[in-house]
Amino acid sequence: MNAADLTAPEHSYSAAIDQAAQWLATTPPRQRPAPLVPAMREMFGLSAVEVCASIREAQLIRARAA
């Protein structure tokens, strides 16, 4: 095992996850489609797990802005 194998999962975000997180953090709840997870899967080409990661990242973005 080398050092590259030891990277934390939070460092393996894709650009699509980052883009989805930015969209979610900046889109008012009333403007988001429902149900959210399937809509984000289609909009950003993410898996359900990746959508969850983008939701978590969006929460961090909002927390840092407060």
PDB file of N, CA and C in Angstrom:
ATOM      1  N   MET A   1       0.851  -1.181   0.000  1.00  0.00           N
ATOM      2  CA  MET A   1       0.000   0.000   0.000  1.00  0.00           C
ATOM      3  C   MET A   1       0.891   1.238   0.000  1.00  0.00           C
ATOM      4  N   ASN A   2       0.543   2.194  -0.848  1.00  0.00           N
ATOM      5  CA  ASN A   2       1.339   3.416  -0.874  1.00  0.00           C
ATOM      6  C   ASN A   2       0.537   4.580  -0.296  1.00  0.00           C
ATOM      7  N   ALA A   3       1.137   5.739  -0.229  1.00  0.00           N
ATOM      8  CA  ALA A   3       0.505   6.901   0.395  1.00  0.00           C
ATOM      9  C   ALA A   3      -0.773   7.313  -0.340  1.00  0.00           C
ATOM     10  N   ALA A   4      -0.807   7.112  -1.656  1.00  0.00           N
ATOM     11  CA  ALA A   4      -1.999   7.484  -2.422  1.00  0.00           C
ATOM     12  C   ALA A   4      -3.205   6.649  -2.008  1.00  0.00           C
ATOM     13  N   ASP A   5      -2.979   5.438  -1.527  1.00  0.00           N
ATOM     14  CA  ASP A   5      -4.065   4.573  -1.085  1.00  0.00           C
ATOM     15  C   ASP A   5      -4.646   5.022   0.255  1.00  0.00           C
ATOM     16  N   LEU A   6      -3.970   5.909   0.939  1.00  0.00           N
ATOM     17  CA  LEU A   6      -4.393   6.317   2.266  1.00  0.00           C
ATOM     18  C   LEU A   6      -5.165   7.639   2.281  1.00  0.00           C
ATOM     19  N   THR A   7      -5.507   8.150   1.102  1.00  0.00           N
ATOM     20  CA  THR A   7      -6.231   9.417   1.074  1.00  0.00           C
ATOM     21  C   THR A   7      -7.631   9.241   1.654  1.00  0.00           C
ATOM     22  N   ALA A   8      -8.043  10.216   2.425  1.00  0.00           N
ATOM     23  CA  ALA A   8      -9.368  10.169   3.043  1.00  0.00           C
ATOM     24  C   ALA A   8     -10.453  10.298   1.985  1.00  0.00           C
ATOM     25  N   PRO A   9     -11.607   9.673   2.204  1.00  0.00           N
ATOM     26  CA  PRO A   9     -12.686   9.746   1.223  1.00  0.00           C
ATOM     27  C   PRO A   9     -13.123  11.177   0.911  1.00  0.00           C
ATOM     28  N   GLU A  10     -13.040  12.068   1.891  1.00  0.00           N
ATOM     29  CA  GLU A  10     -13.460  13.438   1.633  1.00  0.00           C
ATOM     30  C   GLU A  10     -12.585  14.167   0.627  1.00  0.00           C
ATOM     31  N   HIS A  11     -11.415  13.613   0.337  1.00  0.00           N
ATOM     32  CA  HIS A  11     -10.530  14.224  -0.654  1.00  0.00           C
ATOM     33  C   HIS A  11     -10.757  13.658  -2.045  1.00  0.00           C
ATOM     34  N   SER A  12     -11.678  12.727  -2.180  1.00  0.00           N
ATOM     35  CA  SER A  12     -11.899  12.094  -3.472  1.00  0.00           C
ATOM     36  C   SER A  12     -13.152  12.609  -4.167  1.00  0.00           C
ATOM     37  N   TYR A  13     -13.637  13.795  -3.789  1.00  0.00           N
ATOM     38  CA  TYR A  13     -14.806  14.360  -4.434  1.00  0.00           C
ATOM     39  C   TYR A  13     -14.540  14.633  -5.906  1.00  0.00           C
ATOM     40  N   SER A  14     -15.519  14.369  -6.701  1.00  0.00           N
ATOM     41  CA  SER A  14     -15.398  14.682  -8.111  1.00  0.00           C
ATOM     42  C   SER A  14     -15.876  16.104  -8.364  1.00  0.00           C
ATOM     43  N   ALA A  15     -15.604  16.604  -9.536  1.00  0.00           N
ATOM     44  CA  ALA A  15     -16.064  17.948  -9.897  1.00  0.00           C
ATOM     45  C   ALA A  15     -17.586  18.004  -9.903  1.00  0.00           C
ATOM     46  N   ALA A  16     -18.240  16.921 -10.298  1.00  0.00           N
ATOM     47  CA  ALA A  16     -19.708  16.897 -10.326  1.00  0.00           C
ATOM     48  C   ALA A  16     -20.280  17.016  -8.913  1.00  0.00           C
ATOM     49  N   ILE A  17     -19.651  16.392  -7.941  1.00  0.00           N
ATOM     50  CA  ILE A  17     -20.101  16.493  -6.555  1.00  0.00           C
ATOM     51  C   ILE A  17     -19.933  17.927  -6.069  1.00  0.00           C
ATOM     52  N   ASP A  18     -18.799  18.532  -6.375  1.00  0.00           N
ATOM     53  CA  ASP A  18     -18.568  19.931  -5.991  1.00  0.00           C
ATOM     54  C   ASP A  18     -19.593  20.855  -6.639  1.00  0.00           C
ATOM     55  N   GLN A  19     -19.876  20.624  -7.922  1.00  0.00           N
ATOM     56  CA  GLN A  19     -20.847  21.447  -8.632  1.00  0.00           C
ATOM     57  C   GLN A  19     -22.237  21.274  -8.024  1.00  0.00           C
ATOM     58  N   ALA A  20     -22.609  20.045  -7.729  1.00  0.00           N
ATOM     59  CA  ALA A  20     -23.916  19.779  -7.122  1.00  0.00           C
ATOM     60  C   ALA A  20     -24.015  20.429  -5.743  1.00  0.00           C
ATOM     61  N   ALA A  21     -22.947  20.366  -4.975  1.00  0.00           N
ATOM     62  CA  ALA A  21     -22.934  20.971  -3.640  1.00  0.00           C
ATOM     63  C   ALA A  21     -23.090  22.485  -3.728  1.00  0.00           C
ATOM     64  N   GLN A  22     -22.390  23.117  -4.662  1.00  0.00           N
ATOM     65  CA  GLN A  22     -22.516  24.566  -4.843  1.00  0.00           C
ATOM     66  C   GLN A  22     -23.939  24.940  -5.245  1.00  0.00           C
ATOM     67  N   TRP A  23     -24.508  24.159  -6.169  1.00  0.00           N
ATOM     68  CA  TRP A  23     -25.889  24.420  -6.596  1.00  0.00           C
ATOM     69  C   TRP A  23     -26.842  24.310  -5.409  1.00  0.00           C
ATOM     70  N   LEU A  24     -26.697  23.254  -4.641  1.00  0.00           N
ATOM     71  CA  LEU A  24     -27.592  23.025  -3.509  1.00  0.00           C
ATOM     72  C   LEU A  24     -27.426  24.107  -2.444  1.00  0.00           C
ATOM     73  N   ALA A  25     -26.199  24.514  -2.191  1.00  0.00           N
ATOM     74  CA  ALA A  25     -25.936  25.525  -1.163  1.00  0.00           C
ATOM     75  C   ALA A  25     -26.488  26.893  -1.550  1.00  0.00           C
ATOM     76  N   THR A  26     -26.633  27.139  -2.844  1.00  0.00           N
ATOM     77  CA  THR A  26     -27.051  28.468  -3.288  1.00  0.00           C
ATOM     78  C   THR A  26     -28.475  28.528  -3.837  1.00  0.00           C
ATOM     79  N   THR A  27     -29.148  27.401  -3.942  1.00  0.00           N
ATOM     80  CA  THR A  27     -30.511  27.363  -4.464  1.00  0.00           C
ATOM     81  C   THR A  27     -31.505  27.332  -3.306  1.00  0.00           C
ATOM     82  N   PRO A  28     -32.401  28.298  -3.240  1.00  0.00           N
ATOM     83  CA  PRO A  28     -33.395  28.304  -2.164  1.00  0.00           C
ATOM     84  C   PRO A  28     -34.243  27.029  -2.192  1.00  0.00           C
ATOM     85  N   PRO A  29     -34.636  26.525  -1.035  1.00  0.00           N
ATOM     86  CA  PRO A  29     -35.399  25.273  -0.971  1.00  0.00           C
ATOM     87  C   PRO A  29     -36.642  25.250  -1.858  1.00  0.00           C
ATOM     88  N   ARG A  30     -37.338  26.349  -1.977  1.00  0.00           N
ATOM     89  CA  ARG A  30     -38.553  26.376  -2.804  1.00  0.00           C
ATOM     90  C   ARG A  30     -38.269  26.248  -4.290  1.00  0.00           C
ATOM     91  N   GLN A  31     -37.030  26.495  -4.696  1.00  0.00           N
ATOM     92  CA  GLN A  31     -36.668  26.407  -6.108  1.00  0.00           C
ATOM     93  C   GLN A  31     -36.062  25.050  -6.470  1.00  0.00           C
ATOM     94  N   ARG A  32     -35.905  24.180  -5.501  1.00  0.00           N
ATOM     95  CA  ARG A  32     -35.328  22.854  -5.752  1.00  0.00           C
ATOM     96  C   ARG A  32     -36.413  21.869  -6.176  1.00  0.00           C
ATOM     97  N   PRO A  33     -36.096  20.982  -7.097  1.00  0.00           N
ATOM     98  CA  PRO A  33     -37.080  19.971  -7.493  1.00  0.00           C
ATOM     99  C   PRO A  33     -37.277  18.941  -6.384  1.00  0.00           C
ATOM    100  N   ALA A  34     -38.428  18.302  -6.408  1.00  0.00           N
ATOM    101  CA  ALA A  34     -38.712  17.255  -5.428  1.00  0.00           C
ATOM    102  C   ALA A  34     -39.195  16.022  -6.179  1.00  0.00           C
ATOM    103  N   PRO A  35     -38.771  14.875  -5.768  1.00  0.00           N
ATOM    104  CA  PRO A  35     -37.819  14.565  -4.706  1.00  0.00           C
ATOM    105  C   PRO A  35     -36.394  14.956  -5.121  1.00  0.00           C
ATOM    106  N   LEU A  36     -35.646  15.425  -4.165  1.00  0.00           N
ATOM    107  CA  LEU A  36     -34.343  16.028  -4.432  1.00  0.00           C
ATOM    108  C   LEU A  36     -33.285  15.042  -4.924  1.00  0.00           C
ATOM    109  N   VAL A  37     -33.148  13.904  -4.263  1.00  0.00           N
ATOM    110  CA  VAL A  37     -32.055  12.980  -4.610  1.00  0.00           C
ATOM    111  C   VAL A  37     -32.179  12.477  -6.050  1.00  0.00           C
ATOM    112  N   PRO A  38     -33.331  11.978  -6.486  1.00  0.00           N
ATOM    113  CA  PRO A  38     -33.415  11.552  -7.889  1.00  0.00           C
ATOM    114  C   PRO A  38     -33.181  12.702  -8.875  1.00  0.00           C
ATOM    115  N   ALA A  39     -33.659  13.888  -8.530  1.00  0.00           N
ATOM    116  CA  ALA A  39     -33.450  15.041  -9.410  1.00  0.00           C
ATOM    117  C   ALA A  39     -31.969  15.377  -9.529  1.00  0.00           C
ATOM    118  N   MET A  40     -31.262  15.364  -8.413  1.00  0.00           N
ATOM    119  CA  MET A  40     -29.824  15.667  -8.453  1.00  0.00           C
ATOM    120  C   MET A  40     -29.050  14.573  -9.165  1.00  0.00           C
ATOM    121  N   ARG A  41     -29.491  13.331  -9.025  1.00  0.00           N
ATOM    122  CA  ARG A  41     -28.833  12.240  -9.755  1.00  0.00           C
ATOM    123  C   ARG A  41     -28.901  12.499 -11.250  1.00  0.00           C
ATOM    124  N   GLU A  42     -30.075  12.916 -11.716  1.00  0.00           N
ATOM    125  CA  GLU A  42     -30.255  13.179 -13.139  1.00  0.00           C
ATOM    126  C   GLU A  42     -29.539  14.450 -13.576  1.00  0.00           C
ATOM    127  N   MET A  43     -29.663  15.512 -12.794  1.00  0.00           N
ATOM    128  CA  MET A  43     -29.068  16.803 -13.158  1.00  0.00           C
ATOM    129  C   MET A  43     -27.551  16.758 -13.252  1.00  0.00           C
ATOM    130  N   PHE A  44     -26.919  16.039 -12.317  1.00  0.00           N
ATOM    131  CA  PHE A  44     -25.460  16.062 -12.228  1.00  0.00           C
ATOM    132  C   PHE A  44     -24.798  14.743 -12.591  1.00  0.00           C
ATOM    133  N   GLY A  45     -25.586  13.721 -12.927  1.00  0.00           N
ATOM    134  CA  GLY A  45     -25.017  12.425 -13.308  1.00  0.00           C
ATOM    135  C   GLY A  45     -24.337  11.715 -12.155  1.00  0.00           C
ATOM    136  N   LEU A  46     -24.916  11.835 -10.958  1.00  0.00           N
ATOM    137  CA  LEU A  46     -24.312  11.260  -9.757  1.00  0.00           C
ATOM    138  C   LEU A  46     -25.037   9.995  -9.322  1.00  0.00           C
ATOM    139  N   SER A  47     -24.351   9.186  -8.542  1.00  0.00           N
ATOM    140  CA  SER A  47     -24.985   8.049  -7.879  1.00  0.00           C
ATOM    141  C   SER A  47     -25.679   8.579  -6.622  1.00  0.00           C
ATOM    142  N   ALA A  48     -26.493   7.747  -6.007  1.00  0.00           N
ATOM    143  CA  ALA A  48     -27.171   8.155  -4.772  1.00  0.00           C
ATOM    144  C   ALA A  48     -26.153   8.485  -3.679  1.00  0.00           C
ATOM    145  N   VAL A  49     -25.093   7.705  -3.594  1.00  0.00           N
ATOM    146  CA  VAL A  49     -24.050   7.954  -2.593  1.00  0.00           C
ATOM    147  C   VAL A  49     -23.360   9.291  -2.864  1.00  0.00           C
ATOM    148  N   GLU A  50     -23.118   9.594  -4.134  1.00  0.00           N
ATOM    149  CA  GLU A  50     -22.480  10.867  -4.482  1.00  0.00           C
ATOM    150  C   GLU A  50     -23.404  12.045  -4.192  1.00  0.00           C
ATOM    151  N   VAL A  51     -24.719  11.865  -4.396  1.00  0.00           N
ATOM    152  CA  VAL A  51     -25.661  12.927  -4.047  1.00  0.00           C
ATOM    153  C   VAL A  51     -25.609  13.185  -2.547  1.00  0.00           C
ATOM    154  N   CYS A  52     -25.552  12.117  -1.763  1.00  0.00           N
ATOM    155  CA  CYS A  52     -25.446  12.284  -0.307  1.00  0.00           C
ATOM    156  C   CYS A  52     -24.178  13.042   0.066  1.00  0.00           C
ATOM    157  N   ALA A  53     -23.083  12.738  -0.621  1.00  0.00           N
ATOM    158  CA  ALA A  53     -21.833  13.460  -0.361  1.00  0.00           C
ATOM    159  C   ALA A  53     -21.973  14.933  -0.728  1.00  0.00           C
ATOM    160  N   SER A  54     -22.680  15.221  -1.818  1.00  0.00           N
ATOM    161  CA  SER A  54     -22.862  16.621  -2.206  1.00  0.00           C
ATOM    162  C   SER A  54     -23.776  17.354  -1.224  1.00  0.00           C
ATOM    163  N   ILE A  55     -24.763  16.668  -0.668  1.00  0.00           N
ATOM    164  CA  ILE A  55     -25.631  17.276   0.345  1.00  0.00           C
ATOM    165  C   ILE A  55     -24.815  17.606   1.589  1.00  0.00           C
ATOM    166  N   ARG A  56     -23.956  16.684   1.998  1.00  0.00           N
ATOM    167  CA  ARG A  56     -23.095  16.923   3.157  1.00  0.00           C
ATOM    168  C   ARG A  56     -22.166  18.106   2.890  1.00  0.00           C
ATOM    169  N   GLU A  57     -21.600  18.152   1.696  1.00  0.00           N
ATOM    170  CA  GLU A  57     -20.692  19.247   1.353  1.00  0.00           C
ATOM    171  C   GLU A  57     -21.448  20.583   1.303  1.00  0.00           C
ATOM    172  N   ALA A  58     -22.682  20.574   0.801  1.00  0.00           N
ATOM    173  CA  ALA A  58     -23.489  21.805   0.753  1.00  0.00           C
ATOM    174  C   ALA A  58     -23.744  22.318   2.174  1.00  0.00           C
ATOM    175  N   GLN A  59     -23.977  21.419   3.102  1.00  0.00           N
ATOM    176  CA  GLN A  59     -24.175  21.829   4.495  1.00  0.00           C
ATOM    177  C   GLN A  59     -22.920  22.486   5.049  1.00  0.00           C
ATOM    178  N   LEU A  60     -21.760  21.950   4.693  1.00  0.00           N
ATOM    179  CA  LEU A  60     -20.502  22.555   5.137  1.00  0.00           C
ATOM    180  C   LEU A  60     -20.296  23.934   4.510  1.00  0.00           C
ATOM    181  N   ILE A  61     -20.656  24.059   3.241  1.00  0.00           N
ATOM    182  CA  ILE A  61     -20.538  25.355   2.551  1.00  0.00           C
ATOM    183  C   ILE A  61     -21.401  26.390   3.260  1.00  0.00           C
ATOM    184  N   ARG A  62     -22.659  26.030   3.552  1.00  0.00           N
ATOM    185  CA  ARG A  62     -23.561  26.961   4.234  1.00  0.00           C
ATOM    186  C   ARG A  62     -23.057  27.295   5.625  1.00  0.00           C
ATOM    187  N   ALA A  63     -22.506  26.312   6.338  1.00  0.00           N
ATOM    188  CA  ALA A  63     -22.000  26.559   7.686  1.00  0.00           C
ATOM    189  C   ALA A  63     -20.813  27.504   7.676  1.00  0.00           C
ATOM    190  N   ARG A  64     -19.946  27.367   6.677  1.00  0.00           N
ATOM    191  CA  ARG A  64     -18.795  28.257   6.578  1.00  0.00           C
ATOM    192  C   ARG A  64     -19.210  29.684   6.243  1.00  0.00           C
ATOM    193  N   ALA A  65     -20.331  29.833   5.526  1.00  0.00           N
ATOM    194  CA  ALA A  65     -20.797  31.147   5.124  1.00  0.00           C
ATOM    195  C   ALA A  65     -21.480  31.894   6.277  1.00  0.00           C
ATOM    196  N   ALA A  66     -21.919  31.157   7.276  1.00  0.00           N
ATOM    197  CA  ALA A  66     -22.646  31.787   8.382  1.00  0.00           C
ATOM    198  C   ALA A  66     -21.721  32.491   9.349  1.00  0.00           C
TER     199      ALA A  66
END
